[in-house]
Amino acid sequence: MTAYNIVRMRVKPGSEDAFIAHHNALLKTAGEELKAAGMRRFSLVKTGERAYCVLGEWEGFDSIVKARPAMIKSLDGLRPMLEDLGGDLGVTDPVSGEAAAEYDMRTH
């Protein structure tokens, strides 16, 4: 069953270009590794002023688990660019899980 990971982040002032460049470089260098782990799709979504969410679509939850070391390595490169979100969250607010319902509007 399809699984997703979603990570909310806020970028420090002046770091947005480097933040986006980091993700573009990651996909060029680690894209094949993530694909091999089961990643189907990656999106970086700007949700507000310096606010972003990373959305990963995966073949299944086991794929997310397999890719965690690569995702943590990527996050380690981002940490200096991120603001603490407060509320004891640190610099990211990650969630992941299997799809409870899906409907592909492109095929219906």
PDB file of N, CA and C in Angstrom:
ATOM      1  N   MET A   1       0.839  -1.181   0.000  1.00  0.00           N
ATOM      2  CA  MET A   1       0.000   0.000   0.000  1.00  0.00           C
ATOM      3  C   MET A   1       0.884   1.245   0.000  1.00  0.00           C
ATOM      4  N   THR A   2       0.487   2.260  -0.729  1.00  0.00           N
ATOM      5  CA  THR A   2       1.236   3.506  -0.814  1.00  0.00           C
ATOM      6  C   THR A   2       1.416   4.112   0.575  1.00  0.00           C
ATOM      7  N   ALA A   3       2.604   4.654   0.811  1.00  0.00           N
ATOM      8  CA  ALA A   3       2.889   5.349   2.068  1.00  0.00           C
ATOM      9  C   ALA A   3       3.444   6.729   1.731  1.00  0.00           C
ATOM     10  N   TYR A   4       3.332   7.622   2.701  1.00  0.00           N
ATOM     11  CA  TYR A   4       3.788   8.999   2.521  1.00  0.00           C
ATOM     12  C   TYR A   4       4.579   9.433   3.739  1.00  0.00           C
ATOM     13  N   ASN A   5       5.581  10.285   3.492  1.00  0.00           N
ATOM     14  CA  ASN A   5       6.204  11.001   4.599  1.00  0.00           C
ATOM     15  C   ASN A   5       6.072  12.494   4.297  1.00  0.00           C
ATOM     16  N   ILE A   6       5.752  13.238   5.320  1.00  0.00           N
ATOM     17  CA  ILE A   6       5.541  14.676   5.212  1.00  0.00           C
ATOM     18  C   ILE A   6       6.370  15.322   6.318  1.00  0.00           C
ATOM     19  N   VAL A   7       7.183  16.297   5.938  1.00  0.00           N
ATOM     20  CA  VAL A   7       8.051  16.959   6.917  1.00  0.00           C
ATOM     21  C   VAL A   7       7.882  18.468   6.774  1.00  0.00           C
ATOM     22  N   ARG A   8       7.472  19.100   7.857  1.00  0.00           N
ATOM     23  CA  ARG A   8       7.290  20.554   7.875  1.00  0.00           C
ATOM     24  C   ARG A   8       8.562  21.204   8.393  1.00  0.00           C
ATOM     25  N   MET A   9       8.966  22.316   7.727  1.00  0.00           N
ATOM     26  CA  MET A   9      10.190  23.040   8.100  1.00  0.00           C
ATOM     27  C   MET A   9      10.001  24.529   7.871  1.00  0.00           C
ATOM     28  N   ARG A  10      10.762  25.324   8.588  1.00  0.00           N
ATOM     29  CA  ARG A  10      10.806  26.776   8.363  1.00  0.00           C
ATOM     30  C   ARG A  10      12.269  27.165   8.155  1.00  0.00           C
ATOM     31  N   VAL A  11      12.509  27.879   7.076  1.00  0.00           N
ATOM     32  CA  VAL A  11      13.867  28.236   6.665  1.00  0.00           C
ATOM     33  C   VAL A  11      14.267  29.582   7.280  1.00  0.00           C
ATOM     34  N   LYS A  12      15.508  29.684   7.698  1.00  0.00           N
ATOM     35  CA  LYS A  12      16.021  30.938   8.237  1.00  0.00           C
ATOM     36  C   LYS A  12      16.005  32.019   7.156  1.00  0.00           C
ATOM     37  N   PRO A  13      15.825  33.276   7.574  1.00  0.00           N
ATOM     38  CA  PRO A  13      15.867  34.367   6.591  1.00  0.00           C
ATOM     39  C   PRO A  13      17.167  34.333   5.786  1.00  0.00           C
ATOM     40  N   GLY A  14      17.035  34.523   4.485  1.00  0.00           N
ATOM     41  CA  GLY A  14      18.192  34.538   3.603  1.00  0.00           C
ATOM     42  C   GLY A  14      18.692  33.174   3.168  1.00  0.00           C
ATOM     43  N   SER A  15      18.047  32.103   3.617  1.00  0.00           N
ATOM     44  CA  SER A  15      18.534  30.752   3.304  1.00  0.00           C
ATOM     45  C   SER A  15      17.658  30.001   2.302  1.00  0.00           C
ATOM     46  N   GLU A  16      16.593  30.631   1.809  1.00  0.00           N
ATOM     47  CA  GLU A  16      15.662  29.900   0.942  1.00  0.00           C
ATOM     48  C   GLU A  16      16.303  29.400  -0.344  1.00  0.00           C
ATOM     49  N   ASP A  17      17.113  30.213  -1.003  1.00  0.00           N
ATOM     50  CA  ASP A  17      17.743  29.772  -2.250  1.00  0.00           C
ATOM     51  C   ASP A  17      18.642  28.560  -2.002  1.00  0.00           C
ATOM     52  N   ALA A  18      19.424  28.592  -0.941  1.00  0.00           N
ATOM     53  CA  ALA A  18      20.308  27.472  -0.609  1.00  0.00           C
ATOM     54  C   ALA A  18      19.499  26.236  -0.230  1.00  0.00           C
ATOM     55  N   PHE A  19      18.386  26.436   0.457  1.00  0.00           N
ATOM     56  CA  PHE A  19      17.496  25.344   0.865  1.00  0.00           C
ATOM     57  C   PHE A  19      16.936  24.630  -0.364  1.00  0.00           C
ATOM     58  N   ILE A  20      16.449  25.387  -1.322  1.00  0.00           N
ATOM     59  CA  ILE A  20      15.897  24.804  -2.548  1.00  0.00           C
ATOM     60  C   ILE A  20      17.013  24.149  -3.356  1.00  0.00           C
ATOM     61  N   ALA A  21      18.162  24.805  -3.450  1.00  0.00           N
ATOM     62  CA  ALA A  21      19.301  24.230  -4.177  1.00  0.00           C
ATOM     63  C   ALA A  21      19.741  22.908  -3.553  1.00  0.00           C
ATOM     64  N   HIS A  22      19.703  22.833  -2.223  1.00  0.00           N
ATOM     65  CA  HIS A  22      20.069  21.588  -1.527  1.00  0.00           C
ATOM     66  C   HIS A  22      19.158  20.453  -1.974  1.00  0.00           C
ATOM     67  N   HIS A  23      17.866  20.711  -2.049  1.00  0.00           N
ATOM     68  CA  HIS A  23      16.927  19.665  -2.468  1.00  0.00           C
ATOM     69  C   HIS A  23      17.140  19.268  -3.925  1.00  0.00           C
ATOM     70  N   ASN A  24      17.380  20.235  -4.783  1.00  0.00           N
ATOM     71  CA  ASN A  24      17.643  19.919  -6.192  1.00  0.00           C
ATOM     72  C   ASN A  24      18.913  19.079  -6.331  1.00  0.00           C
ATOM     73  N   ALA A  25      19.965  19.434  -5.593  1.00  0.00           N
ATOM     74  CA  ALA A  25      21.214  18.672  -5.632  1.00  0.00           C
ATOM     75  C   ALA A  25      21.008  17.270  -5.071  1.00  0.00           C
ATOM     76  N   LEU A  26      20.237  17.162  -3.997  1.00  0.00           N
ATOM     77  CA  LEU A  26      19.961  15.861  -3.397  1.00  0.00           C
ATOM     78  C   LEU A  26      19.304  14.935  -4.408  1.00  0.00           C
ATOM     79  N   LEU A  27      18.341  15.445  -5.143  1.00  0.00           N
ATOM     80  CA  LEU A  27      17.637  14.598  -6.096  1.00  0.00           C
ATOM     81  C   LEU A  27      18.553  14.152  -7.235  1.00  0.00           C
ATOM     82  N   LYS A  28      19.536  14.979  -7.568  1.00  0.00           N
ATOM     83  CA  LYS A  28      20.492  14.594  -8.604  1.00  0.00           C
ATOM     84  C   LYS A  28      21.474  13.552  -8.085  1.00  0.00           C
ATOM     85  N   THR A  29      21.911  13.676  -6.830  1.00  0.00           N
ATOM     86  CA  THR A  29      22.936  12.777  -6.302  1.00  0.00           C
ATOM     87  C   THR A  29      22.363  11.528  -5.637  1.00  0.00           C
ATOM     88  N   ALA A  30      21.229  11.665  -4.949  1.00  0.00           N
ATOM     89  CA  ALA A  30      20.658  10.529  -4.210  1.00  0.00           C
ATOM     90  C   ALA A  30      19.344  10.051  -4.803  1.00  0.00           C
ATOM     91  N   GLY A  31      18.936  10.641  -5.902  1.00  0.00           N
ATOM     92  CA  GLY A  31      17.658  10.281  -6.502  1.00  0.00           C
ATOM     93  C   GLY A  31      17.535   8.806  -6.826  1.00  0.00           C
ATOM     94  N   GLU A  32      18.589   8.235  -7.392  1.00  0.00           N
ATOM     95  CA  GLU A  32      18.548   6.810  -7.740  1.00  0.00           C
ATOM     96  C   GLU A  32      18.486   5.938  -6.484  1.00  0.00           C
ATOM     97  N   GLU A  33      19.207   6.347  -5.437  1.00  0.00           N
ATOM     98  CA  GLU A  33      19.168   5.597  -4.172  1.00  0.00           C
ATOM     99  C   GLU A  33      17.762   5.632  -3.576  1.00  0.00           C
ATOM    100  N   LEU A  34      17.142   6.808  -3.595  1.00  0.00           N
ATOM    101  CA  LEU A  34      15.784   6.924  -3.061  1.00  0.00           C
ATOM    102  C   LEU A  34      14.786   6.145  -3.918  1.00  0.00           C
ATOM    103  N   LYS A  35      14.955   6.199  -5.221  1.00  0.00           N
ATOM    104  CA  LYS A  35      14.085   5.439  -6.129  1.00  0.00           C
ATOM    105  C   LYS A  35      14.240   3.940  -5.860  1.00  0.00           C
ATOM    106  N   ALA A  36      15.472   3.489  -5.692  1.00  0.00           N
ATOM    107  CA  ALA A  36      15.726   2.078  -5.412  1.00  0.00           C
ATOM    108  C   ALA A  36      15.102   1.660  -4.083  1.00  0.00           C
ATOM    109  N   ALA A  37      15.039   2.590  -3.134  1.00  0.00           N
ATOM    110  CA  ALA A  37      14.428   2.295  -1.836  1.00  0.00           C
ATOM    111  C   ALA A  37      12.907   2.237  -1.924  1.00  0.00           C
ATOM    112  N   GLY A  38      12.338   2.766  -3.029  1.00  0.00           N
ATOM    113  CA  GLY A  38      10.888   2.699  -3.197  1.00  0.00           C
ATOM    114  C   GLY A  38      10.199   4.038  -3.291  1.00  0.00           C
ATOM    115  N   MET A  39      10.957   5.131  -3.390  1.00  0.00           N
ATOM    116  CA  MET A  39      10.323   6.440  -3.533  1.00  0.00           C
ATOM    117  C   MET A  39       9.738   6.566  -4.940  1.00  0.00           C
ATOM    118  N   ARG A  40       8.491   6.977  -5.001  1.00  0.00           N
ATOM    119  CA  ARG A  40       7.813   7.185  -6.283  1.00  0.00           C
ATOM    120  C   ARG A  40       7.836   8.644  -6.706  1.00  0.00           C
ATOM    121  N   ARG A  41       7.682   9.523  -5.738  1.00  0.00           N
ATOM    122  CA  ARG A  41       7.531  10.942  -6.061  1.00  0.00           C
ATOM    123  C   ARG A  41       8.024  11.777  -4.882  1.00  0.00           C
ATOM    124  N   PHE A  42       8.634  12.919  -5.201  1.00  0.00           N
ATOM    125  CA  PHE A  42       9.123  13.864  -4.196  1.00  0.00           C
ATOM    126  C   PHE A  42       8.594  15.243  -4.559  1.00  0.00           C
ATOM    127  N   SER A  43       8.105  15.972  -3.574  1.00  0.00           N
ATOM    128  CA  SER A  43       7.670  17.353  -3.795  1.00  0.00           C
ATOM    129  C   SER A  43       8.146  18.213  -2.633  1.00  0.00           C
ATOM    130  N   LEU A  44       8.621  19.405  -2.965  1.00  0.00           N
ATOM    131  CA  LEU A  44       8.946  20.427  -1.973  1.00  0.00           C
ATOM    132  C   LEU A  44       7.905  21.513  -2.157  1.00  0.00           C
ATOM    133  N   VAL A  45       7.065  21.713  -1.158  1.00  0.00           N
ATOM    134  CA  VAL A  45       5.918  22.606  -1.259  1.00  0.00           C
ATOM    135  C   VAL A  45       6.140  23.829  -0.373  1.00  0.00           C
ATOM    136  N   LYS A  46       6.053  25.017  -0.960  1.00  0.00           N
ATOM    137  CA  LYS A  46       6.135  26.249  -0.169  1.00  0.00           C
ATOM    138  C   LYS A  46       4.738  26.520   0.387  1.00  0.00           C
ATOM    139  N   THR A  47       4.634  26.535   1.712  1.00  0.00           N
ATOM    140  CA  THR A  47       3.329  26.671   2.360  1.00  0.00           C
ATOM    141  C   THR A  47       3.108  28.039   2.987  1.00  0.00           C
ATOM    142  N   GLY A  48       4.108  28.895   2.943  1.00  0.00           N
ATOM    143  CA  GLY A  48       3.993  30.229   3.525  1.00  0.00           C
ATOM    144  C   GLY A  48       5.340  30.920   3.513  1.00  0.00           C
ATOM    145  N   GLU A  49       5.414  32.032   4.221  1.00  0.00           N
ATOM    146  CA  GLU A  49       6.648  32.804   4.334  1.00  0.00           C
ATOM    147  C   GLU A  49       7.743  31.942   4.965  1.00  0.00           C
ATOM    148  N   ARG A  50       8.738  31.522   4.171  1.00  0.00           N
ATOM    149  CA  ARG A  50       9.862  30.694   4.613  1.00  0.00           C
ATOM    150  C   ARG A  50       9.408  29.345   5.173  1.00  0.00           C
ATOM    151  N   ALA A  51       8.181  28.950   4.900  1.00  0.00           N
ATOM    152  CA  ALA A  51       7.632  27.686   5.397  1.00  0.00           C
ATOM    153  C   ALA A  51       7.493  26.687   4.246  1.00  0.00           C
ATOM    154  N   TYR A  52       7.937  25.463   4.494  1.00  0.00           N
ATOM    155  CA  TYR A  52       7.932  24.417   3.470  1.00  0.00           C
ATOM    156  C   TYR A  52       7.508  23.088   4.073  1.00  0.00           C
ATOM    157  N   CYS A  53       6.982  22.235   3.198  1.00  0.00           N
ATOM    158  CA  CYS A  53       6.762  20.832   3.528  1.00  0.00           C
ATOM    159  C   CYS A  53       7.398  19.990   2.447  1.00  0.00           C
ATOM    160  N   VAL A  54       8.054  18.927   2.856  1.00  0.00           N
ATOM    161  CA  VAL A  54       8.548  17.915   1.944  1.00  0.00           C
ATOM    162  C   VAL A  54       7.513  16.804   1.950  1.00  0.00           C
ATOM    163  N   LEU A  55       7.145  16.345   0.761  1.00  0.00           N
ATOM    164  CA  LEU A  55       6.178  15.265   0.633  1.00  0.00           C
ATOM    165  C   LEU A  55       6.827  14.166  -0.197  1.00  0.00           C
ATOM    166  N   GLY A  56       6.929  12.988   0.372  1.00  0.00           N
ATOM    167  CA  GLY A  56       7.457  11.836  -0.342  1.00  0.00           C
ATOM    168  C   GLY A  56       6.381  10.783  -0.489  1.00  0.00           C
ATOM    169  N   GLU A  57       6.220  10.275  -1.688  1.00  0.00           N
ATOM    170  CA  GLU A  57       5.301   9.159  -1.941  1.00  0.00           C
ATOM    171  C   GLU A  57       6.154   7.916  -2.148  1.00  0.00           C
ATOM    172  N   TRP A  58       5.786   6.832  -1.466  1.00  0.00           N
ATOM    173  CA  TRP A  58       6.591   5.611  -1.437  1.00  0.00           C
ATOM    174  C   TRP A  58       5.749   4.393  -1.789  1.00  0.00           C
ATOM    175  N   GLU A  59       6.414   3.333  -2.240  1.00  0.00           N
ATOM    176  CA  GLU A  59       5.731   2.086  -2.568  1.00  0.00           C
ATOM    177  C   GLU A  59       5.036   1.492  -1.355  1.00  0.00           C
ATOM    178  N   GLY A  60       5.598   1.653  -0.194  1.00  0.00           N
ATOM    179  CA  GLY A  60       5.026   1.135   1.050  1.00  0.00           C
ATOM    180  C   GLY A  60       5.809   1.665   2.230  1.00  0.00           C
ATOM    181  N   PHE A  61       5.311   1.412   3.418  1.00  0.00           N
ATOM    182  CA  PHE A  61       5.964   1.946   4.615  1.00  0.00           C
ATOM    183  C   PHE A  61       7.368   1.373   4.788  1.00  0.00           C
ATOM    184  N   ASP A  62       7.576   0.121   4.392  1.00  0.00           N
ATOM    185  CA  ASP A  62       8.917  -0.469   4.477  1.00  0.00           C
ATOM    186  C   ASP A  62       9.928   0.333   3.663  1.00  0.00           C
ATOM    187  N   SER A  63       9.465   0.942   2.572  1.00  0.00           N
ATOM    188  CA  SER A  63      10.344   1.771   1.744  1.00  0.00           C
ATOM    189  C   SER A  63      10.827   2.995   2.508  1.00  0.00           C
ATOM    190  N   ILE A  64       9.937   3.603   3.282  1.00  0.00           N
ATOM    191  CA  ILE A  64      10.319   4.762   4.092  1.00  0.00           C
ATOM    192  C   ILE A  64      11.379   4.348   5.111  1.00  0.00           C
ATOM    193  N   VAL A  65      11.139   3.227   5.758  1.00  0.00           N
ATOM    194  CA  VAL A  65      12.091   2.734   6.762  1.00  0.00           C
ATOM    195  C   VAL A  65      13.458   2.489   6.118  1.00  0.00           C
ATOM    196  N   LYS A  66      13.466   1.885   4.931  1.00  0.00           N
ATOM    197  CA  LYS A  66      14.720   1.586   4.226  1.00  0.00           C
ATOM    198  C   LYS A  66      15.472   2.871   3.855  1.00  0.00           C
ATOM    199  N   ALA A  67      14.741   3.923   3.559  1.00  0.00           N
ATOM    200  CA  ALA A  67      15.358   5.172   3.094  1.00  0.00           C
ATOM    201  C   ALA A  67      15.702   6.137   4.232  1.00  0.00           C
ATOM    202  N   ARG A  68      15.344   5.824   5.450  1.00  0.00           N
ATOM    203  CA  ARG A  68      15.593   6.757   6.556  1.00  0.00           C
ATOM    204  C   ARG A  68      17.039   7.206   6.679  1.00  0.00           C
ATOM    205  N   PRO A  69      18.025   6.322   6.553  1.00  0.00           N
ATOM    206  CA  PRO A  69      19.412   6.809   6.652  1.00  0.00           C
ATOM    207  C   PRO A  69      19.732   7.893   5.612  1.00  0.00           C
ATOM    208  N   ALA A  70      19.259   7.731   4.383  1.00  0.00           N
ATOM    209  CA  ALA A  70      19.501   8.740   3.340  1.00  0.00           C
ATOM    210  C   ALA A  70      18.757  10.027   3.662  1.00  0.00           C
ATOM    211  N   MET A  71      17.546   9.910   4.205  1.00  0.00           N
ATOM    212  CA  MET A  71      16.777  11.116   4.545  1.00  0.00           C
ATOM    213  C   MET A  71      17.421  11.863   5.706  1.00  0.00           C
ATOM    214  N   ILE A  72      17.923  11.147   6.685  1.00  0.00           N
ATOM    215  CA  ILE A  72      18.603  11.781   7.823  1.00  0.00           C
ATOM    216  C   ILE A  72      19.883  12.465   7.351  1.00  0.00           C
ATOM    217  N   LYS A  73      20.614  11.823   6.444  1.00  0.00           N
ATOM    218  CA  LYS A  73      21.831  12.432   5.891  1.00  0.00           C
ATOM    219  C   LYS A  73      21.497  13.742   5.196  1.00  0.00           C
ATOM    220  N   SER A  74      20.411  13.761   4.446  1.00  0.00           N
ATOM    221  CA  SER A  74      19.978  14.994   3.782  1.00  0.00           C
ATOM    222  C   SER A  74      19.612  16.057   4.812  1.00  0.00           C
ATOM    223  N   LEU A  75      18.863  15.673   5.827  1.00  0.00           N
ATOM    224  CA  LEU A  75      18.470  16.619   6.871  1.00  0.00           C
ATOM    225  C   LEU A  75      19.692  17.202   7.572  1.00  0.00           C
ATOM    226  N   ASP A  76      20.707  16.392   7.784  1.00  0.00           N
ATOM    227  CA  ASP A  76      21.920  16.893   8.437  1.00  0.00           C
ATOM    228  C   ASP A  76      22.535  18.040   7.636  1.00  0.00           C
ATOM    229  N   GLY A  77      22.427  17.997   6.305  1.00  0.00           N
ATOM    230  CA  GLY A  77      22.920  19.081   5.469  1.00  0.00           C
ATOM    231  C   GLY A  77      22.040  20.315   5.499  1.00  0.00           C
ATOM    232  N   LEU A  78      20.802  20.139   5.919  1.00  0.00           N
ATOM    233  CA  LEU A  78      19.845  21.250   5.970  1.00  0.00           C
ATOM    234  C   LEU A  78      19.804  21.969   7.314  1.00  0.00           C
ATOM    235  N   ARG A  79      20.162  21.286   8.377  1.00  0.00           N
ATOM    236  CA  ARG A  79      19.974  21.828   9.732  1.00  0.00           C
ATOM    237  C   ARG A  79      20.437  23.277   9.910  1.00  0.00           C
ATOM    238  N   PRO A  80      21.606  23.669   9.375  1.00  0.00           N
ATOM    239  CA  PRO A  80      22.042  25.049   9.569  1.00  0.00           C
ATOM    240  C   PRO A  80      21.120  26.085   8.905  1.00  0.00           C
ATOM    241  N   MET A  81      20.296  25.655   7.961  1.00  0.00           N
ATOM    242  CA  MET A  81      19.398  26.568   7.242  1.00  0.00           C
ATOM    243  C   MET A  81      18.017  26.672   7.883  1.00  0.00           C
ATOM    244  N   LEU A  82      17.745  25.848   8.890  1.00  0.00           N
ATOM    245  CA  LEU A  82      16.394  25.747   9.433  1.00  0.00           C
ATOM    246  C   LEU A  82      16.250  26.419  10.787  1.00  0.00           C
ATOM    247  N   GLU A  83      15.063  26.967  11.015  1.00  0.00           N
ATOM    248  CA  GLU A  83      14.714  27.555  12.311  1.00  0.00           C
ATOM    249  C   GLU A  83      14.044  26.507  13.182  1.00  0.00           C
ATOM    250  N   ASP A  84      14.225  26.636  14.469  1.00  0.00           N
ATOM    251  CA  ASP A  84      13.505  25.792  15.411  1.00  0.00           C
ATOM    252  C   ASP A  84      12.019  26.123  15.304  1.00  0.00           C
ATOM    253  N   LEU A  85      11.184  25.103  15.221  1.00  0.00           N
ATOM    254  CA  LEU A  85       9.740  25.302  15.079  1.00  0.00           C
ATOM    255  C   LEU A  85       9.055  25.605  16.412  1.00  0.00           C
ATOM    256  N   GLY A  86       9.779  25.443  17.512  1.00  0.00           N
ATOM    257  CA  GLY A  86       9.196  25.697  18.824  1.00  0.00           C
ATOM    258  C   GLY A  86       8.400  24.501  19.318  1.00  0.00           C
ATOM    259  N   GLY A  87       7.876  24.620  20.509  1.00  0.00           N
ATOM    260  CA  GLY A  87       7.060  23.548  21.078  1.00  0.00           C
ATOM    261  C   GLY A  87       7.796  22.223  21.198  1.00  0.00           C
ATOM    262  N   ASP A  88       9.091  22.265  21.436  1.00  0.00           N
ATOM    263  CA  ASP A  88       9.922  21.062  21.576  1.00  0.00           C
ATOM    264  C   ASP A  88       9.987  20.203  20.312  1.00  0.00           C
ATOM    265  N   LEU A  89       9.673  20.780  19.140  1.00  0.00           N
ATOM    266  CA  LEU A  89       9.731  20.029  17.893  1.00  0.00           C
ATOM    267  C   LEU A  89      11.135  19.959  17.309  1.00  0.00           C
ATOM    268  N   GLY A  90      11.944  20.962  17.543  1.00  0.00           N
ATOM    269  CA  GLY A  90      13.222  21.052  16.869  1.00  0.00           C
ATOM    270  C   GLY A  90      13.044  21.720  15.521  1.00  0.00           C
ATOM    271  N   VAL A  91      13.861  21.335  14.526  1.00  0.00           N
ATOM    272  CA  VAL A  91      13.818  22.022  13.235  1.00  0.00           C
ATOM    273  C   VAL A  91      12.882  21.362  12.227  1.00  0.00           C
ATOM    274  N   THR A  92      12.329  20.193  12.554  1.00  0.00           N
ATOM    275  CA  THR A  92      11.382  19.544  11.644  1.00  0.00           C
ATOM    276  C   THR A  92      10.190  18.991  12.413  1.00  0.00           C
ATOM    277  N   ASP A  93       9.103  18.838  11.691  1.00  0.00           N
ATOM    278  CA  ASP A  93       7.890  18.218  12.226  1.00  0.00           C
ATOM    279  C   ASP A  93       7.499  17.100  11.256  1.00  0.00           C
ATOM    280  N   PRO A  94       8.093  15.899  11.419  1.00  0.00           N
ATOM    281  CA  PRO A  94       7.854  14.817  10.471  1.00  0.00           C
ATOM    282  C   PRO A  94       6.697  13.909  10.878  1.00  0.00           C
ATOM    283  N   VAL A  95       5.959  13.442   9.884  1.00  0.00           N
ATOM    284  CA  VAL A  95       4.947  12.408  10.065  1.00  0.00           C
ATOM    285  C   VAL A  95       5.019  11.479   8.861  1.00  0.00           C
ATOM    286  N   SER A  96       4.608  10.245   9.043  1.00  0.00           N
ATOM    287  CA  SER A  96       4.568   9.308   7.930  1.00  0.00           C
ATOM    288  C   SER A  96       3.550   8.221   8.227  1.00  0.00           C
ATOM    289  N   GLY A  97       3.074   7.583   7.163  1.00  0.00           N
ATOM    290  CA  GLY A  97       2.131   6.493   7.329  1.00  0.00           C
ATOM    291  C   GLY A  97       1.608   6.003   5.996  1.00  0.00           C
ATOM    292  N   GLU A  98       0.813   4.940   6.062  1.00  0.00           N
ATOM    293  CA  GLU A  98       0.217   4.380   4.862  1.00  0.00           C
ATOM    294  C   GLU A  98      -1.065   5.123   4.513  1.00  0.00           C
ATOM    295  N   ALA A  99      -1.364   5.174   3.234  1.00  0.00           N
ATOM    296  CA  ALA A  99      -2.570   5.852   2.765  1.00  0.00           C
ATOM    297  C   ALA A  99      -3.804   5.125   3.308  1.00  0.00           C
ATOM    298  N   ALA A 100      -4.724   5.885   3.862  1.00  0.00           N
ATOM    299  CA  ALA A 100      -5.978   5.328   4.349  1.00  0.00           C
ATOM    300  C   ALA A 100      -7.031   5.320   3.242  1.00  0.00           C
ATOM    301  N   ALA A 101      -6.912   6.250   2.312  1.00  0.00           N
ATOM    302  CA  ALA A 101      -7.808   6.324   1.154  1.00  0.00           C
ATOM    303  C   ALA A 101      -7.065   7.054   0.054  1.00  0.00           C
ATOM    304  N   GLU A 102      -7.219   6.599  -1.170  1.00  0.00           N
ATOM    305  CA  GLU A 102      -6.596   7.254  -2.317  1.00  0.00           C
ATOM    306  C   GLU A 102      -7.560   7.227  -3.487  1.00  0.00           C
ATOM    307  N   TYR A 103      -7.491   8.263  -4.282  1.00  0.00           N
ATOM    308  CA  TYR A 103      -8.307   8.349  -5.486  1.00  0.00           C
ATOM    309  C   TYR A 103      -7.530   9.174  -6.486  1.00  0.00           C
ATOM    310  N   ASP A 104      -7.178   8.584  -7.611  1.00  0.00           N
ATOM    311  CA  ASP A 104      -6.395   9.274  -8.630  1.00  0.00           C
ATOM    312  C   ASP A 104      -7.345   9.980  -9.587  1.00  0.00           C
ATOM    313  N   MET A 105      -7.444  11.283  -9.454  1.00  0.00           N
ATOM    314  CA  MET A 105      -8.349  12.083 -10.270  1.00  0.00           C
ATOM    315  C   MET A 105      -7.970  12.039 -11.754  1.00  0.00           C
ATOM    316  N   ARG A 106      -6.703  11.710 -12.050  1.00  0.00           N
ATOM    317  CA  ARG A 106      -6.267  11.672 -13.444  1.00  0.00           C
ATOM    318  C   ARG A 106      -6.841  10.472 -14.187  1.00  0.00           C
ATOM    319  N   THR A 107      -7.229   9.451 -13.468  1.00  0.00           N
ATOM    320  CA  THR A 107      -7.712   8.234 -14.133  1.00  0.00           C
ATOM    321  C   THR A 107      -9.217   8.040 -13.989  1.00  0.00           C
ATOM    322  N   HIS A 108      -9.895   8.984 -13.365  1.00  0.00           N
ATOM    323  CA  HIS A 108     -11.358   8.862 -13.197  1.00  0.00           C
ATOM    324  C   HIS A 108     -12.071  10.102 -13.677  1.00  0.00           C
TER     325      HIS A 108
END
